[in-house]
Protein backbone atom coordinates (compact mmCIF):
# COMPACT_ATOMS: atom_id res chain seq x y z
CA MET A 1 -14.73 -12.09 -9.66
CA THR A 2 -16.07 -9.07 -7.87
CA THR A 3 -19.51 -7.51 -7.90
CA SER A 4 -20.45 -3.97 -8.75
CA VAL A 5 -22.45 -1.75 -6.42
CA THR A 6 -25.56 -2.66 -8.40
CA GLY A 7 -24.98 -6.37 -7.75
CA GLU A 8 -23.72 -7.20 -11.24
CA VAL A 9 -20.52 -9.11 -11.75
CA ALA A 10 -17.67 -6.68 -12.30
CA PRO A 11 -15.00 -7.48 -14.89
CA LYS A 12 -12.02 -9.22 -13.39
CA ALA A 13 -8.74 -7.33 -13.70
CA ARG A 14 -5.94 -8.97 -15.63
CA THR A 15 -3.49 -10.89 -13.43
CA GLU A 16 -1.31 -12.02 -16.35
CA ALA A 17 -1.55 -15.65 -15.18
CA ARG A 18 1.06 -14.99 -12.49
CA GLU A 19 0.93 -16.92 -9.24
CA SER A 20 -0.65 -14.95 -6.41
CA VAL A 21 1.62 -13.78 -3.62
CA LEU A 22 -1.19 -12.24 -1.57
CA ALA A 23 -4.72 -13.65 -1.43
CA ALA A 24 -7.83 -13.00 0.65
CA ARG A 25 -10.52 -15.63 0.05
CA ASN A 26 -14.09 -15.21 1.25
CA VAL A 27 -12.84 -13.00 4.06
CA SER A 28 -15.27 -11.48 6.53
CA LEU A 29 -14.43 -9.55 9.69
CA THR A 30 -16.64 -8.57 12.60
CA TYR A 31 -15.44 -6.45 15.50
CA GLY A 32 -17.11 -7.09 18.87
CA GLY A 33 -16.71 -5.77 22.38
CA LEU A 34 -17.85 -2.26 21.49
CA GLY A 35 -20.09 -1.89 24.53
CA GLY A 36 -23.73 -2.77 24.92
CA GLY A 37 -23.12 -5.98 23.03
CA ARG A 38 -22.63 -4.05 19.78
CA THR A 39 -20.66 -5.45 16.87
CA VAL A 40 -19.47 -3.93 13.60
CA GLU A 41 -19.24 -5.92 10.38
CA ALA A 42 -16.05 -4.46 8.92
CA LEU A 43 -15.68 -6.77 5.90
CA ARG A 44 -17.99 -9.17 4.09
CA GLU A 45 -16.88 -11.93 1.69
CA VAL A 46 -13.86 -10.10 0.31
CA ASN A 47 -11.83 -11.84 -2.40
CA ILE A 48 -8.62 -10.45 -3.83
CA GLU A 49 -5.53 -11.96 -5.46
CA VAL A 50 -2.25 -10.06 -5.95
CA PRO A 51 0.38 -11.63 -8.25
CA LYS A 52 4.09 -11.16 -7.70
CA GLY A 53 5.43 -7.83 -8.89
CA GLN A 54 2.05 -6.15 -9.07
CA PHE A 55 1.03 -2.86 -7.43
CA VAL A 56 -2.57 -2.90 -6.22
CA ALA A 57 -4.26 0.17 -4.72
CA LEU A 58 -7.28 -0.06 -2.43
CA VAL A 59 -9.51 3.02 -2.55
CA GLY A 60 -12.73 3.90 -0.79
CA ALA A 61 -14.34 5.99 1.90
CA SER A 62 -13.33 5.80 5.55
CA GLY A 63 -14.87 2.76 7.18
CA CYS A 64 -14.80 0.49 4.13
CA GLY A 65 -12.24 -1.88 5.67
CA LYS A 66 -9.15 -0.98 3.60
CA THR A 67 -6.84 -0.81 6.61
CA SER A 68 -8.46 -3.85 8.22
CA LEU A 69 -7.66 -5.87 5.10
CA LEU A 70 -4.09 -4.52 5.09
CA ASN A 71 -3.73 -5.43 8.78
CA MET A 72 -4.79 -9.00 8.01
CA PHE A 73 -1.96 -9.40 5.52
CA ALA A 74 0.38 -7.90 8.12
CA GLY A 75 -0.70 -10.54 10.62
CA LEU A 76 -2.14 -7.96 13.02
CA VAL A 77 -5.81 -8.95 12.65
CA GLU A 78 -7.40 -12.36 12.08
CA PRO A 79 -10.45 -12.77 9.83
CA THR A 80 -13.71 -13.88 11.40
CA GLU A 81 -14.34 -16.06 8.34
CA GLY A 82 -12.30 -17.04 5.29
CA GLU A 83 -8.54 -17.09 4.91
CA VAL A 84 -5.68 -14.69 4.21
CA VAL A 85 -2.53 -16.20 2.71
CA ILE A 86 0.96 -15.15 1.66
CA ASP A 87 2.62 -17.49 -0.85
CA GLU A 88 -0.26 -19.90 -0.18
CA GLN A 89 0.60 -20.08 3.52
CA PRO A 90 -2.04 -18.90 6.02
CA VAL A 91 -1.07 -15.68 7.78
CA ARG A 92 -0.67 -16.41 11.50
CA GLY A 93 1.29 -13.33 12.49
CA PRO A 94 3.86 -10.83 11.16
CA SER A 95 6.04 -12.18 8.34
CA ASN A 96 9.61 -11.28 7.40
CA LYS A 97 8.38 -11.21 3.78
CA THR A 98 6.40 -8.04 4.43
CA SER A 99 7.14 -4.48 5.49
CA TYR A 100 4.42 -2.11 6.70
CA MET A 101 4.45 1.67 6.20
CA PHE A 102 1.88 3.76 8.06
CA ALA A 103 0.25 7.09 7.21
CA ARG A 104 2.44 8.86 9.80
CA ASP A 105 6.18 8.42 9.59
CA GLY A 106 6.36 6.90 13.09
CA LEU A 107 10.03 7.80 13.48
CA LEU A 108 11.34 7.44 17.03
CA PRO A 109 12.23 10.99 18.16
CA TRP A 110 15.14 9.90 20.38
CA ARG A 111 16.92 8.05 17.57
CA ARG A 112 18.94 9.70 14.83
CA VAL A 113 17.69 9.20 11.30
CA HIS A 114 20.10 6.39 10.40
CA LYS A 115 19.21 4.56 13.62
CA ASN A 116 15.51 4.84 12.75
CA VAL A 117 16.23 3.30 9.35
CA GLU A 118 18.21 0.50 10.99
CA LEU A 119 15.35 -0.41 13.30
CA GLY A 120 14.07 -3.30 11.19
CA LEU A 121 17.60 -4.61 10.67
CA GLU A 122 18.29 -4.86 14.40
CA ALA A 123 16.08 -7.95 14.64
CA ARG A 124 18.49 -9.68 12.27
CA THR A 125 21.13 -10.81 14.71
CA SER A 126 23.41 -12.00 11.90
CA LEU A 127 24.12 -8.40 10.86
CA SER A 128 26.92 -6.48 12.51
CA ARG A 129 26.60 -2.84 13.54
CA ALA A 130 28.80 -1.85 10.61
CA GLU A 131 26.61 -3.81 8.18
CA ARG A 132 23.45 -2.17 9.50
CA LEU A 133 25.00 1.27 9.18
CA ALA A 134 26.16 0.56 5.62
CA SER A 135 22.66 -0.60 4.64
CA SER A 136 20.98 2.43 6.19
CA ARG A 137 23.44 4.81 4.52
CA LYS A 138 22.82 3.22 1.12
CA MET A 139 19.04 3.53 1.52
CA LEU A 140 19.24 7.11 2.80
CA GLU A 141 21.30 8.00 -0.25
CA LEU A 142 18.63 6.48 -2.50
CA VAL A 143 15.90 8.62 -0.91
CA GLY A 144 18.00 11.80 -0.97
CA LEU A 145 18.85 11.99 2.74
CA ALA A 146 22.53 11.10 2.68
CA ASP A 147 23.46 14.39 4.37
CA PHE A 148 20.93 13.94 7.19
CA GLU A 149 21.80 10.56 8.68
CA LYS A 150 22.96 12.00 12.02
CA VAL A 151 20.07 14.41 12.64
CA TYR A 152 16.95 13.76 14.71
CA PRO A 153 13.46 13.51 13.18
CA ARG A 154 12.42 16.88 14.66
CA GLN A 155 15.09 18.52 12.50
CA LEU A 156 13.50 17.25 9.27
CA SER A 157 10.57 18.58 7.26
CA HIS A 158 7.45 16.45 6.97
CA GLY A 159 8.42 15.30 3.47
CA MET A 160 11.92 14.40 4.61
CA ARG A 161 10.53 12.36 7.49
CA GLN A 162 8.39 10.43 5.00
CA ARG A 163 11.53 9.80 2.93
CA ALA A 164 13.19 8.39 6.04
CA ALA A 165 10.13 6.21 6.64
CA ILE A 166 10.35 4.91 3.06
CA ALA A 167 14.02 4.10 3.64
CA ARG A 168 13.14 2.23 6.83
CA THR A 169 10.42 0.30 4.96
CA LEU A 170 12.71 -0.75 2.11
CA VAL A 171 16.00 -1.33 3.94
CA THR A 172 15.13 -4.92 4.89
CA ASP A 173 14.50 -5.68 1.20
CA PRO A 174 11.04 -7.17 1.78
CA ASP A 175 9.21 -9.06 -0.96
CA ILE A 176 5.93 -7.35 -0.10
CA LEU A 177 5.11 -3.75 0.81
CA LEU A 178 1.94 -3.01 2.80
CA MET A 179 1.32 0.74 2.77
CA ASP A 180 -1.45 2.64 4.56
CA GLU A 181 -1.80 6.13 3.06
CA PRO A 182 1.93 6.90 3.37
CA PHE A 183 1.62 10.21 1.49
CA GLY A 184 -1.85 11.18 2.73
CA ALA A 185 -0.78 13.98 5.09
CA LEU A 186 1.53 15.76 2.62
CA ASP A 187 0.78 18.90 0.62
CA ALA A 188 0.03 18.35 -3.07
CA GLN A 189 3.45 19.38 -4.38
CA THR A 190 5.42 17.33 -1.87
CA LYS A 191 3.12 14.36 -2.42
CA LEU A 192 3.67 14.38 -6.19
CA ARG A 193 7.44 14.64 -5.74
CA LEU A 194 7.54 11.72 -3.29
CA GLN A 195 5.25 9.63 -5.48
CA ALA A 196 7.69 10.08 -8.36
CA GLU A 197 10.67 9.24 -6.14
CA PHE A 198 8.90 6.20 -4.71
CA LEU A 199 8.09 4.92 -8.20
CA ASP A 200 11.69 5.51 -9.22
CA LEU A 201 12.79 3.21 -6.39
CA LEU A 202 10.31 0.49 -7.41
CA GLU A 203 10.42 0.65 -11.19
CA GLN A 204 13.23 -1.09 -13.00
CA GLU A 205 14.39 0.34 -16.29
CA GLY A 206 12.92 -1.55 -19.22
CA SER A 207 10.57 -3.57 -16.99
CA ASP A 208 6.77 -3.55 -17.22
CA ARG A 209 6.34 -4.26 -13.50
CA VAL A 210 7.53 -2.95 -10.16
CA SER A 211 10.29 -4.67 -8.20
CA LYS A 212 8.07 -5.45 -5.19
CA THR A 213 4.55 -6.72 -4.64
CA VAL A 214 2.61 -3.77 -3.21
CA LEU A 215 -0.78 -3.44 -1.51
CA PHE A 216 -1.42 0.28 -1.06
CA VAL A 217 -4.31 1.98 0.76
CA THR A 218 -5.33 5.48 -0.29
CA HIS A 219 -8.31 7.85 -0.46
CA ASP A 220 -6.76 9.64 -3.43
CA LEU A 221 -7.91 8.43 -6.86
CA ASN A 222 -5.13 10.35 -8.62
CA GLU A 223 -2.54 8.64 -6.45
CA ALA A 224 -4.07 5.20 -6.98
CA ILE A 225 -4.07 5.54 -10.78
CA LEU A 226 -0.59 7.08 -10.94
CA LEU A 227 1.05 4.35 -8.87
CA ALA A 228 -0.91 1.15 -9.34
CA ASP A 229 -1.40 -1.65 -11.87
CA ARG A 230 -4.90 -2.25 -10.51
CA VAL A 231 -7.31 -0.11 -8.52
CA VAL A 232 -9.72 -1.97 -6.23
CA VAL A 233 -12.73 0.10 -5.18
CA MET A 234 -14.19 -0.76 -1.77
CA LEU A 235 -17.53 0.30 -0.31
CA PRO A 236 -18.47 0.57 3.37
CA ARG A 237 -21.02 -0.90 5.77
CA PRO A 238 -19.91 -3.61 5.49
CA GLY A 239 -16.63 -3.36 3.60
CA ARG A 240 -16.81 -5.09 0.24
CA ILE A 241 -15.23 -4.88 -3.19
CA ALA A 242 -17.26 -3.02 -5.80
CA SER A 243 -14.81 -3.12 -8.70
CA ASP A 244 -11.33 -4.27 -9.64
CA GLN A 245 -10.00 -2.12 -12.48
CA PRO A 246 -6.73 -2.57 -14.42
CA VAL A 247 -4.62 0.54 -15.02
CA ASP A 248 -3.38 0.30 -18.60
CA LEU A 249 -0.62 2.87 -18.30
CA PRO A 250 2.89 1.79 -19.33
CA ARG A 251 5.83 1.59 -16.97
CA PRO A 252 8.14 3.13 -15.99
CA ARG A 253 6.04 6.14 -15.01
CA SER A 254 8.24 8.05 -12.59
CA GLY A 255 9.69 10.41 -15.17
CA ASN A 256 6.43 11.53 -16.79
CA LEU A 257 3.75 11.86 -14.13
CA LYS A 258 2.54 15.19 -15.55
CA GLU A 259 1.94 13.65 -18.98
CA ILE A 260 0.15 10.70 -17.40
CA ILE A 261 -2.18 12.87 -15.32
CA PHE A 262 -3.37 14.80 -18.39
CA SER A 263 -3.64 11.77 -20.67
CA PRO A 264 -7.08 10.69 -21.96
CA GLU A 265 -6.67 7.21 -20.46
CA PHE A 266 -5.96 8.65 -17.01
CA GLN A 267 -8.94 10.99 -17.19
CA ARG A 268 -11.27 8.22 -18.39
CA LEU A 269 -10.24 5.85 -15.60
CA HIS A 270 -10.49 8.60 -13.00
CA ARG A 271 -14.04 9.40 -14.14
CA ASP A 272 -15.09 5.74 -14.10
CA LEU A 273 -13.72 5.17 -10.59
CA PHE A 274 -15.20 8.41 -9.31
CA ASP A 275 -18.61 7.37 -10.66
CA LEU A 276 -18.29 3.99 -8.90
CA LEU A 277 -17.53 5.66 -5.58
CA GLN A 278 -20.44 8.06 -5.97
CA GLU A 279 -22.80 5.29 -6.98
CA GLY A 280 -21.69 3.32 -3.96
CA GLU A 281 -22.71 6.10 -1.61
CA GLY A 282 -26.32 5.43 -2.60
CA HIS A 283 -26.09 1.70 -1.91
CA GLU A 284 -24.89 1.64 1.69
């Protein structure tokens, strides 16, 4: 269970009795070495469970520990207390089950687009050059960049670079996606278009869940509700979970985002989450 900003126990989101793929249990994190003996308590007693095939969005103000928590699941940061596990195995470093997408596309400017997409495949020595190229071409076609495989990142628009970054993230067919504000720097129109395209890649026709397990960091409440099955609200100083809210919007969603945004359920959930974030500002 999680607690609200007022200290009351918040309702636990439905996990549909599925086994957790990602779990953080009683996790706290303190950063030291900041000069003058100062430390920063980034996270305090965070608990979260993410079942297979569920999309969970973490929202909250800067400094609430969203990215720190994501980095723990990526094996880039170790908790000071508690444990972080993937498939019930403690995270000791990067895992081939996960793929991490950052806020910036991070494309290497000296590599053509298809070579950027192949980057994660190059560590797999069992794949030939032809197999890597075939995989990158297939993924670039899925994200609408089939005609741009031989260009350099500087020749692409910002939205197209993010498409290439999505292709690079998905090409290794990871079980788990860790995503840190991947659409945060885009204009509103491009963001909405890429959100729909991203959902189209994840949502399987006739299925009530996405094809990957996703932990997604965002500041954008609209984005969190549109994409996720659950929205976890985090508060800063120190980072902690205030609420864990289910999103009762049917899937697939990619073809009707406009209808979803203006639906009463969307508006109600947006208002509730917005109130939680505002209330939290007075309890730092």
